[in-house]
Protein backbone atom coordinates (compact mmCIF):
# COMPACT_ATOMS: atom_id res chain seq x y z
CA MET A 1 -141.68 -116.49 -52.88
CA GLY A 2 -142.72 -113.80 -50.64
CA SER A 3 -140.22 -111.37 -48.37
CA ILE A 4 -138.88 -113.41 -45.82
CA PHE A 5 -137.49 -110.24 -43.88
CA GLY A 6 -139.79 -107.75 -42.20
CA THR A 7 -138.11 -104.44 -40.38
CA ASP A 8 -136.33 -106.37 -37.94
CA GLY A 9 -134.76 -109.84 -39.60
CA VAL A 10 -137.03 -112.45 -39.65
CA ARG A 11 -140.15 -112.80 -37.51
CA GLY A 12 -143.15 -115.06 -36.85
CA LYS A 13 -144.79 -117.78 -34.88
CA ALA A 14 -142.48 -120.55 -33.94
CA ASN A 15 -142.45 -123.76 -35.76
CA ALA A 16 -145.45 -122.18 -38.28
CA ASP A 17 -143.95 -118.86 -39.72
CA LEU A 18 -140.77 -119.62 -38.78
CA THR A 19 -139.84 -123.17 -38.81
CA PRO A 20 -136.72 -125.28 -38.52
CA GLU A 21 -136.51 -125.64 -41.96
CA LEU A 22 -136.52 -121.97 -42.89
CA ALA A 23 -133.77 -121.31 -40.12
CA LEU A 24 -131.87 -124.06 -41.68
CA ALA A 25 -132.37 -122.30 -45.34
CA LEU A 26 -131.49 -119.27 -43.61
CA GLY A 27 -127.81 -120.73 -42.19
CA ARG A 28 -126.95 -122.17 -45.73
CA ALA A 29 -127.58 -118.99 -47.37
CA LEU A 30 -125.31 -116.92 -44.89
CA VAL A 31 -122.88 -119.22 -45.50
CA THR A 32 -122.81 -119.34 -48.93
CA VAL A 33 -122.98 -115.40 -49.06
CA LEU A 34 -119.71 -114.96 -46.73
CA ARG A 35 -117.95 -117.63 -48.99
CA GLU A 36 -118.92 -115.37 -51.90
CA ASP A 37 -117.38 -112.96 -50.25
CA GLY A 38 -113.88 -115.04 -49.91
CA THR A 39 -114.22 -116.34 -46.62
CA ARG A 40 -113.68 -120.00 -47.11
CA ARG A 41 -114.77 -121.18 -43.67
CA PRO A 42 -116.89 -118.69 -42.12
CA SER A 43 -117.45 -118.67 -38.54
CA ILE A 44 -120.85 -117.49 -37.19
CA LEU A 45 -121.28 -116.23 -33.94
CA ILE A 46 -124.77 -117.47 -32.11
CA GLY A 47 -127.12 -116.29 -29.68
CA ARG A 48 -130.71 -116.60 -28.06
CA ASP A 49 -133.51 -115.33 -25.80
CA PRO A 50 -134.49 -117.96 -23.42
CA ARG A 51 -137.79 -118.95 -24.82
CA TRP A 52 -138.57 -122.48 -25.65
CA SER A 53 -138.57 -122.73 -29.65
CA GLY A 54 -135.22 -121.01 -29.44
CA GLU A 55 -133.11 -124.35 -28.75
CA MET A 56 -135.32 -126.10 -32.10
CA LEU A 57 -134.24 -122.93 -34.06
CA GLU A 58 -130.42 -122.47 -33.12
CA SER A 59 -130.45 -126.43 -33.60
CA ALA A 60 -131.52 -125.95 -37.34
CA LEU A 61 -129.31 -122.83 -37.78
CA ILE A 62 -126.82 -124.44 -36.91
CA ALA A 63 -127.48 -127.27 -39.05
CA GLY A 64 -127.51 -124.70 -41.96
CA ILE A 65 -124.45 -123.16 -41.45
CA THR A 66 -122.64 -126.32 -40.78
CA SER A 67 -124.07 -127.94 -43.76
CA ALA A 68 -122.86 -125.22 -46.02
CA GLY A 69 -119.22 -125.26 -44.98
CA GLY A 70 -119.25 -122.83 -41.74
CA ASP A 71 -118.46 -122.91 -38.10
CA ALA A 72 -121.14 -122.41 -35.71
CA VAL A 73 -119.96 -120.90 -32.44
CA SER A 74 -122.81 -120.87 -29.80
CA VAL A 75 -122.70 -118.34 -26.91
CA GLY A 76 -125.99 -119.45 -25.12
CA VAL A 77 -128.54 -116.92 -23.92
CA LEU A 78 -127.32 -113.18 -24.34
CA PRO A 79 -128.96 -110.02 -25.28
CA THR A 80 -129.26 -109.18 -28.65
CA PRO A 81 -126.42 -106.21 -28.42
CA ALA A 82 -123.98 -108.53 -26.86
CA VAL A 83 -124.33 -110.72 -30.15
CA ALA A 84 -123.37 -107.93 -32.49
CA HIS A 85 -120.34 -106.65 -30.05
CA LEU A 86 -119.03 -110.17 -30.00
CA THR A 87 -118.94 -110.41 -33.25
CA ALA A 88 -117.30 -107.18 -34.02
CA HIS A 89 -114.88 -107.56 -31.29
CA SER A 90 -114.31 -111.19 -32.26
CA ALA A 91 -112.85 -113.45 -35.61
CA ALA A 92 -116.53 -114.05 -36.78
CA ALA A 93 -117.64 -113.30 -40.20
CA ALA A 94 -121.06 -113.05 -38.84
CA GLY A 95 -123.49 -112.97 -35.81
CA ALA A 96 -126.97 -114.24 -35.68
CA MET A 97 -129.47 -113.63 -32.90
CA ILE A 98 -132.64 -115.87 -31.92
CA SER A 99 -135.23 -114.13 -30.54
CA ALA A 100 -138.35 -111.98 -31.10
CA SER A 101 -137.70 -109.33 -28.71
CA HIS A 102 -140.56 -108.10 -26.41
CA ASN A 103 -143.23 -110.51 -28.69
CA PRO A 104 -144.79 -113.13 -26.56
CA VAL A 105 -143.43 -116.67 -26.14
CA GLY A 106 -145.10 -118.21 -29.13
CA ASP A 107 -143.13 -115.57 -31.33
CA ASN A 108 -139.66 -116.17 -32.53
CA GLY A 109 -137.15 -114.46 -34.56
CA ILE A 110 -133.70 -114.26 -36.11
CA LYS A 111 -131.81 -111.27 -37.25
CA PHE A 112 -127.91 -111.21 -38.40
CA PHE A 113 -124.90 -109.11 -38.10
CA GLY A 114 -122.25 -108.31 -40.34
CA PRO A 115 -118.62 -108.55 -39.17
CA GLU A 116 -118.71 -105.09 -37.84
CA GLY A 117 -121.62 -106.07 -35.80
CA TYR A 118 -123.93 -104.00 -37.97
CA LYS A 119 -127.30 -105.55 -38.86
CA LEU A 120 -127.53 -106.39 -42.58
CA THR A 121 -128.45 -103.68 -45.06
CA ASP A 122 -131.60 -104.80 -47.45
CA ALA A 123 -129.66 -105.36 -50.53
CA GLU A 124 -127.82 -108.31 -47.98
CA GLU A 125 -130.94 -109.74 -46.60
CA GLU A 126 -132.68 -109.66 -50.64
CA ARG A 127 -129.68 -111.88 -51.40
CA LEU A 128 -129.99 -114.26 -48.95
CA GLU A 129 -133.91 -114.23 -49.79
CA GLN A 130 -132.75 -114.88 -53.51
CA LEU A 131 -130.58 -118.08 -52.36
CA ILE A 132 -133.09 -119.41 -50.39
CA ALA A 133 -135.50 -119.07 -53.57
CA GLU A 134 -132.79 -121.24 -55.87
CA ASP A 135 -132.03 -123.68 -52.88
CA ALA A 136 -128.47 -122.53 -53.86
CA GLY A 137 -124.89 -123.00 -52.41
CA GLU A 138 -122.40 -125.72 -52.16
CA ARG A 139 -122.34 -128.97 -49.79
CA PRO A 140 -118.60 -130.01 -49.16
CA LEU A 141 -118.03 -133.26 -47.41
CA SER A 142 -115.67 -135.05 -45.16
CA THR A 143 -113.71 -132.33 -42.83
CA ASP A 144 -114.66 -129.75 -45.02
CA ILE A 145 -118.52 -129.75 -43.43
CA GLY A 146 -118.37 -127.24 -40.75
CA ARG A 147 -118.65 -128.05 -36.64
CA ARG A 148 -120.62 -126.25 -34.00
CA LEU A 149 -118.65 -124.88 -31.27
CA ARG A 150 -119.09 -123.09 -27.53
CA ASP A 151 -118.33 -120.24 -26.44
CA HIS A 152 -118.52 -120.60 -22.73
CA ALA A 153 -116.85 -117.03 -21.73
CA ALA A 154 -118.94 -115.13 -23.71
CA VAL A 155 -121.28 -113.74 -21.14
CA ALA A 156 -118.24 -112.63 -19.02
CA ARG A 157 -116.63 -110.76 -21.82
CA TYR A 158 -119.94 -108.76 -22.82
CA VAL A 159 -120.62 -107.97 -18.75
CA GLU A 160 -116.60 -106.79 -18.72
CA TYR A 161 -117.28 -104.52 -21.44
CA LEU A 162 -119.95 -103.08 -20.19
CA ALA A 163 -118.42 -102.11 -16.83
CA THR A 164 -115.10 -101.28 -18.01
CA ILE A 165 -116.87 -98.39 -20.58
CA ALA A 166 -119.07 -96.70 -17.87
CA ASP A 167 -116.38 -95.77 -15.67
CA VAL A 168 -119.19 -94.84 -12.65
CA ASP A 169 -119.31 -96.28 -9.13
CA LEU A 170 -123.00 -96.59 -8.84
CA THR A 171 -122.61 -97.38 -4.74
CA GLY A 172 -125.19 -96.27 -2.58
CA LEU A 173 -127.80 -96.52 -5.45
CA ARG A 174 -130.66 -98.73 -4.96
CA ILE A 175 -132.10 -100.41 -8.33
CA VAL A 176 -135.06 -102.54 -9.13
CA VAL A 177 -134.14 -104.74 -12.39
CA ASP A 178 -137.27 -106.13 -14.48
CA GLY A 179 -135.70 -108.67 -16.81
CA ALA A 180 -138.88 -109.83 -18.52
CA ASN A 181 -137.64 -113.31 -17.76
CA GLY A 182 -135.46 -112.95 -20.94
CA ALA A 183 -131.99 -112.46 -21.99
CA ALA A 184 -131.15 -109.52 -19.39
CA SER A 185 -132.21 -111.40 -16.51
CA ASN A 186 -128.89 -112.83 -15.70
CA VAL A 187 -126.19 -110.03 -17.57
CA GLY A 188 -128.10 -106.85 -16.40
CA PRO A 189 -127.86 -107.33 -12.63
CA GLN A 190 -124.50 -108.58 -12.95
CA VAL A 191 -123.33 -105.62 -14.68
CA TYR A 192 -125.11 -103.15 -12.28
CA ARG A 193 -123.71 -105.01 -9.18
CA GLN A 194 -120.38 -104.88 -10.47
CA LEU A 195 -120.66 -101.11 -10.87
CA GLY A 196 -121.54 -100.96 -7.05
CA ALA A 197 -125.12 -100.62 -7.47
CA ASP A 198 -127.44 -102.71 -4.66
CA VAL A 199 -130.01 -104.24 -7.19
CA VAL A 200 -133.60 -106.07 -6.31
CA THR A 201 -134.52 -108.41 -9.21
CA VAL A 202 -137.76 -109.29 -10.23
CA HIS A 203 -138.62 -111.15 -13.43
CA CYS A 204 -135.58 -112.34 -13.41
CA ARG A 205 -136.03 -116.43 -13.17
CA PRO A 206 -136.44 -117.61 -16.94
CA ASP A 207 -137.80 -120.88 -17.79
CA GLY A 208 -138.63 -120.89 -21.06
CA ALA A 209 -142.06 -120.18 -21.40
CA ASN A 210 -142.46 -117.01 -19.02
CA ILE A 211 -140.57 -114.36 -21.16
CA ASN A 212 -141.82 -111.11 -21.26
CA ALA A 213 -145.66 -112.45 -19.55
CA GLY A 214 -146.74 -109.37 -17.93
CA CYS A 215 -143.34 -108.13 -17.40
CA GLY A 216 -140.50 -106.28 -18.63
CA SER A 217 -140.54 -103.05 -21.03
CA THR A 218 -144.17 -103.55 -22.55
CA HIS A 219 -145.42 -103.34 -18.71
CA PRO A 220 -143.65 -100.29 -16.92
CA GLU A 221 -145.97 -100.53 -14.25
CA VAL A 222 -144.17 -103.56 -12.89
CA VAL A 223 -141.38 -102.06 -12.70
CA SER A 224 -142.94 -99.04 -11.19
CA ALA A 225 -144.34 -100.94 -8.33
CA ALA A 226 -141.42 -102.62 -7.24
CA VAL A 227 -139.59 -99.14 -7.02
CA LEU A 228 -142.34 -97.90 -4.45
CA GLU A 229 -142.42 -101.31 -2.74
CA HIS A 230 -138.57 -101.53 -2.27
CA ARG A 231 -137.92 -98.26 -1.72
CA ALA A 232 -135.50 -97.79 -4.71
CA ASP A 233 -133.97 -94.72 -6.71
CA ALA A 234 -134.85 -95.99 -10.01
CA GLY A 235 -136.00 -99.16 -12.04
CA ILE A 236 -134.40 -100.48 -14.99
CA SER A 237 -136.64 -102.16 -17.29
CA HIS A 238 -135.66 -104.49 -20.23
CA ASP A 239 -137.54 -106.58 -23.17
CA GLY A 240 -137.17 -110.00 -23.98
CA ASP A 241 -133.69 -109.41 -25.73
CA ALA A 242 -132.08 -106.49 -23.63
CA ASP A 243 -132.25 -103.67 -26.58
CA ARG A 244 -135.03 -101.89 -24.90
CA LEU A 245 -134.69 -99.62 -21.61
CA ILE A 246 -137.78 -98.14 -20.17
CA ALA A 247 -136.93 -96.54 -16.36
CA ALA A 248 -138.53 -95.67 -13.82
CA THR A 249 -138.35 -92.80 -11.18
CA HIS A 250 -138.23 -93.57 -6.98
CA GLU A 251 -141.69 -91.92 -7.58
CA GLY A 252 -142.79 -94.89 -9.75
CA VAL A 253 -143.46 -92.54 -12.73
CA GLU A 254 -142.52 -94.13 -16.01
CA VAL A 255 -139.82 -92.40 -17.76
CA ASP A 256 -139.88 -93.77 -21.37
CA GLY A 257 -137.28 -93.91 -24.37
CA ASP A 258 -138.26 -90.12 -24.99
CA VAL A 259 -137.45 -88.95 -21.92
CA ILE A 260 -134.41 -90.94 -21.25
CA LEU A 261 -132.94 -89.90 -24.80
CA ALA A 262 -133.47 -86.07 -23.75
CA VAL A 263 -131.44 -86.68 -20.71
CA LEU A 264 -128.84 -88.29 -22.58
CA ALA A 265 -128.69 -85.71 -25.22
CA ARG A 266 -128.78 -82.59 -22.74
CA ASP A 267 -125.70 -84.73 -21.22
CA ALA A 268 -123.64 -85.35 -24.09
CA LYS A 269 -123.99 -81.68 -24.95
CA HIS A 270 -123.24 -79.81 -22.09
CA ARG A 271 -119.77 -82.20 -22.67
CA GLY A 272 -119.43 -81.58 -25.98
CA ALA A 273 -119.68 -85.13 -26.75
CA LEU A 274 -123.17 -84.47 -29.10
CA ALA A 275 -121.96 -85.18 -32.77
CA GLN A 276 -123.07 -82.21 -34.68
CA ASP A 277 -125.49 -81.05 -31.49
CA THR A 278 -128.04 -83.50 -33.41
CA VAL A 279 -129.93 -86.46 -32.46
CA VAL A 280 -131.62 -88.89 -34.26
CA THR A 281 -135.61 -89.73 -33.55
CA THR A 282 -138.36 -91.12 -35.13
CA VAL A 283 -141.77 -90.08 -36.17
CA MET A 284 -143.25 -91.65 -33.17
CA THR A 285 -141.49 -89.10 -30.75
CA ASN A 286 -143.03 -86.88 -28.57
CA LEU A 287 -143.76 -83.59 -29.80
CA GLY A 288 -142.90 -82.68 -26.08
CA PHE A 289 -139.24 -83.95 -26.85
CA LYS A 290 -138.66 -81.73 -29.94
CA ARG A 291 -139.77 -78.75 -28.23
CA ALA A 292 -137.53 -79.57 -25.61
CA MET A 293 -134.18 -80.19 -28.26
CA ALA A 294 -135.30 -76.93 -29.62
CA GLY A 295 -134.72 -75.11 -26.04
CA LEU A 296 -131.36 -76.84 -25.35
CA HIS A 297 -130.53 -75.70 -29.57
CA ILE A 298 -130.50 -79.61 -30.34
CA ASP A 299 -131.08 -80.42 -34.02
CA VAL A 300 -133.72 -83.38 -33.96
CA LEU A 301 -133.48 -85.73 -37.16
CA GLU A 302 -136.52 -87.64 -37.91
CA THR A 303 -137.05 -91.33 -39.53
CA LYS A 304 -139.46 -94.09 -40.12
CA VAL A 305 -140.21 -95.72 -37.11
CA GLY A 306 -137.83 -98.81 -36.48
CA ASP A 307 -134.17 -98.64 -34.87
CA ARG A 308 -132.47 -99.77 -38.14
CA TYR A 309 -133.47 -96.43 -39.84
CA VAL A 310 -132.63 -94.56 -36.85
CA LEU A 311 -129.18 -96.72 -37.25
CA GLU A 312 -128.95 -96.25 -40.69
CA ALA A 313 -129.41 -92.08 -40.30
CA MET A 314 -127.01 -92.02 -37.51
CA ARG A 315 -124.25 -93.82 -40.33
CA GLU A 316 -124.72 -91.92 -42.61
CA ARG A 317 -124.76 -88.62 -41.22
CA GLY A 318 -122.16 -89.24 -38.74
CA LEU A 319 -124.14 -88.84 -35.59
CA ASN A 320 -123.94 -90.70 -32.41
CA LEU A 321 -126.79 -90.73 -30.54
CA GLY A 322 -130.36 -91.37 -31.51
CA GLY A 323 -133.56 -93.72 -30.53
CA GLU A 324 -137.16 -94.77 -30.11
CA GLN A 325 -140.04 -93.66 -27.67
CA SER A 326 -140.07 -97.55 -27.09
CA GLY A 327 -136.99 -97.63 -25.46
CA HIS A 328 -134.26 -98.30 -28.38
CA LEU A 329 -131.34 -96.14 -27.73
CA ILE A 330 -128.17 -96.28 -29.52
CA ASP A 331 -124.91 -95.20 -28.63
CA LEU A 332 -122.67 -95.42 -31.55
CA ASP A 333 -119.55 -94.36 -29.25
CA HIS A 334 -120.10 -97.51 -27.62
CA ALA A 335 -122.34 -100.33 -29.80
CA THR A 336 -123.73 -101.01 -32.91
CA THR A 337 -127.16 -101.80 -32.14
CA GLY A 338 -129.77 -100.79 -29.20
CA ASP A 339 -128.37 -102.01 -26.16
CA GLY A 340 -131.03 -101.59 -22.75
CA ILE A 341 -128.25 -102.46 -20.57
CA LEU A 342 -125.95 -99.97 -21.72
CA SER A 343 -128.25 -97.36 -21.67
CA ALA A 344 -129.13 -97.67 -18.19
CA VAL A 345 -125.85 -97.32 -17.15
CA ARG A 346 -125.43 -94.21 -19.15
CA LEU A 347 -128.47 -93.04 -17.69
CA LEU A 348 -127.55 -93.77 -14.00
CA SER A 349 -124.06 -92.27 -14.98
CA VAL A 350 -125.72 -88.93 -15.43
CA VAL A 351 -127.78 -89.06 -12.05
CA ARG A 352 -124.58 -89.74 -10.39
CA SER A 353 -122.47 -87.34 -12.34
CA THR A 354 -125.42 -84.48 -11.77
CA GLY A 355 -125.97 -85.57 -8.23
CA ALA A 356 -129.90 -85.04 -9.58
CA SER A 357 -132.41 -87.49 -9.12
CA LEU A 358 -133.91 -89.32 -12.33
CA ARG A 359 -137.05 -87.47 -11.50
CA GLU A 360 -135.64 -84.24 -11.41
CA LEU A 361 -133.76 -85.19 -14.64
CA THR A 362 -137.25 -85.86 -16.28
CA ASP A 363 -137.99 -82.40 -16.09
CA VAL A 364 -135.52 -81.72 -19.08
CA MET A 365 -139.17 -82.27 -21.06
CA ALA A 366 -142.38 -81.81 -20.79
CA ARG A 367 -144.54 -84.88 -22.39
CA LEU A 368 -148.08 -83.59 -24.91
CA PRO A 369 -150.61 -85.94 -24.13
CA GLN A 370 -150.24 -89.09 -26.75
CA VAL A 371 -152.64 -91.69 -27.49
CA LEU A 372 -152.34 -94.79 -29.28
CA VAL A 373 -154.42 -97.36 -30.65
CA ASN A 374 -153.37 -100.44 -32.21
CA VAL A 375 -156.63 -101.16 -35.00
CA ARG A 376 -157.01 -105.03 -35.62
CA GLY A 377 -158.77 -107.13 -38.28
CA VAL A 378 -157.94 -104.76 -41.19
CA ASP A 379 -156.73 -105.62 -44.45
CA LYS A 380 -153.12 -102.63 -43.43
CA SER A 381 -151.89 -103.27 -47.26
CA ARG A 382 -154.85 -100.67 -48.75
CA LEU A 383 -154.24 -98.17 -46.50
CA ASP A 384 -151.93 -95.84 -48.61
CA THR A 385 -154.97 -96.02 -51.30
CA THR A 386 -157.40 -95.21 -48.95
CA ASP A 387 -158.52 -92.00 -49.56
CA ALA A 388 -161.41 -91.93 -47.38
CA VAL A 389 -159.34 -92.53 -44.14
CA TRP A 390 -156.64 -89.93 -45.16
CA ASP A 391 -159.45 -87.22 -45.25
CA VAL A 392 -160.10 -88.01 -42.12
CA VAL A 393 -156.37 -87.85 -40.75
CA ARG A 394 -156.32 -84.09 -42.59
CA ARG A 395 -159.25 -82.95 -41.03
CA GLU A 396 -158.04 -83.67 -37.52
CA GLU A 397 -154.59 -82.02 -38.80
CA GLU A 398 -156.19 -78.97 -39.24
CA ARG A 399 -158.35 -79.37 -36.23
CA LEU A 400 -155.16 -79.74 -33.69
CA GLY A 401 -153.07 -77.13 -35.67
CA ASP A 402 -149.53 -76.33 -34.36
CA GLY A 403 -150.58 -77.79 -31.06
CA GLY A 404 -150.92 -81.54 -31.92
CA ARG A 405 -149.85 -83.85 -34.68
CA VAL A 406 -151.76 -87.19 -35.73
CA LEU A 407 -149.95 -90.53 -37.08
CA LEU A 408 -151.24 -93.17 -39.03
CA ARG A 409 -149.23 -96.37 -40.15
CA PRO A 410 -149.29 -100.39 -40.68
CA SER A 411 -147.23 -101.86 -37.99
CA GLY A 412 -143.85 -103.62 -39.77
CA THR A 413 -144.38 -106.80 -37.77
CA GLU A 414 -147.88 -107.25 -36.85
CA ALA A 415 -151.34 -107.36 -38.81
CA LEU A 416 -152.68 -103.98 -37.68
CA VAL A 417 -152.94 -100.46 -38.51
CA ARG A 418 -151.40 -97.53 -35.43
CA VAL A 419 -153.12 -94.92 -34.89
CA MET A 420 -151.28 -91.91 -32.61
CA ALA A 421 -152.26 -88.31 -32.04
CA GLU A 422 -150.98 -85.88 -29.50
CA ALA A 423 -152.54 -82.74 -28.76
CA GLU A 424 -152.14 -80.21 -25.69
CA THR A 425 -155.06 -82.03 -24.07
CA ALA A 426 -155.82 -85.56 -23.84
CA ASP A 427 -159.23 -85.66 -24.95
CA ASP A 428 -158.42 -83.72 -28.06
CA ALA A 429 -156.22 -86.67 -28.73
CA GLN A 430 -158.14 -89.31 -27.72
CA LEU A 431 -160.92 -87.78 -30.17
CA ALA A 432 -158.78 -87.72 -32.80
CA VAL A 433 -157.78 -91.40 -32.35
CA ASP A 434 -161.36 -92.24 -32.17
CA ARG A 435 -162.19 -90.41 -35.41
CA ILE A 436 -159.24 -91.59 -37.00
CA ALA A 437 -159.35 -95.40 -35.82
CA ASP A 438 -163.51 -95.53 -36.56
CA ALA A 439 -162.36 -94.57 -40.38
CA VAL A 440 -159.73 -97.35 -40.28
CA ARG A 441 -162.21 -100.05 -39.50
CA ASP A 442 -164.88 -98.86 -41.94
CA HIS A 443 -162.70 -98.79 -44.76
CA LEU A 444 -160.21 -101.61 -44.15
CA THR A 445 -162.08 -104.22 -42.24
CA VAL A 446 -161.07 -107.92 -43.38
């Protein structure tokens, strides 16, 4: 059996790669592991985003959980970080989120959280895979079978939690919120309005089919245009499961995760709240971010791409702030995973506490021109062993010198290779990407 888990849980085409049968097996395996750890009748909290296949997969996951003797507590449509938070602050033995995040409606995924609200480790995921391969686990009878329960107050508890920890009055601030027709569509506007903001919503009417469709954090131009149209002070854009944040200034200029993280890191350091004066990022982080942090005497710890690797480094080193350019931002003082709504609240709090506009705050760093190309139709598994490609990479690194960098890596969730370059000029970055992408196509095309 091949690996079921990827870099962020189980992900694939709903009803093809991620089938109801697999969801059922995952539910059974999870309960079996929890019972092995001594929990006789584990309770597992389940949330989902609004995409159509979520209902199907939730039903199958619940069937697996109850079949193995666990109780499944459905909280309905909620952001991924809400499921993590509620799992950690309840009697649940684990949590499960059914979502494909920023991916199209035809995809879906399942990720699990332990009782403290953290995603499962590699070892824990490997144990689940082993149990699924062996079709192991008990099949209790009669009243030992688990039950499906519903928690109708989950949304209210999560909204209240975010509003309470924010401790900021956003009265007089007009913001546009793009909910990606996903899990943030209801919760996000509730939180911002409870804090006093004047909220204009776009793409906050999910129908199960329109999630991430030309909107959300992967289409930042949408919220940028809406900010200008409604003369707002800022724009907030989430992805399908609301663990990301991309913002926009009042001038409609995109503010990505690198810039937001730089703003939050500077503010935390000034307040004496940045653990070890260190922030965690990934190899995709713009070189301008690193230069800005050096100027602020903030150390940067770099990891592989993926919020799970950022989180692992933060926990290992006792750090409290980290994130990705894509908008996954982690504040370990208040959350156990990336939380787009929490990140927005923290960003708007800096706007209010400093009296500066979001545009003024973005002056914290100067971005180097960055070009990213996804090369499709290639065998990404051969990338590491194809010397001809890496020869081109080395030549481009030498050409750019200290004024830029290149990054070549296989996608963790899609069948493609990503080529990225940064340089002092956009032309130099584009040239490096073109040369490397051509080499990838020449030597790795299927």
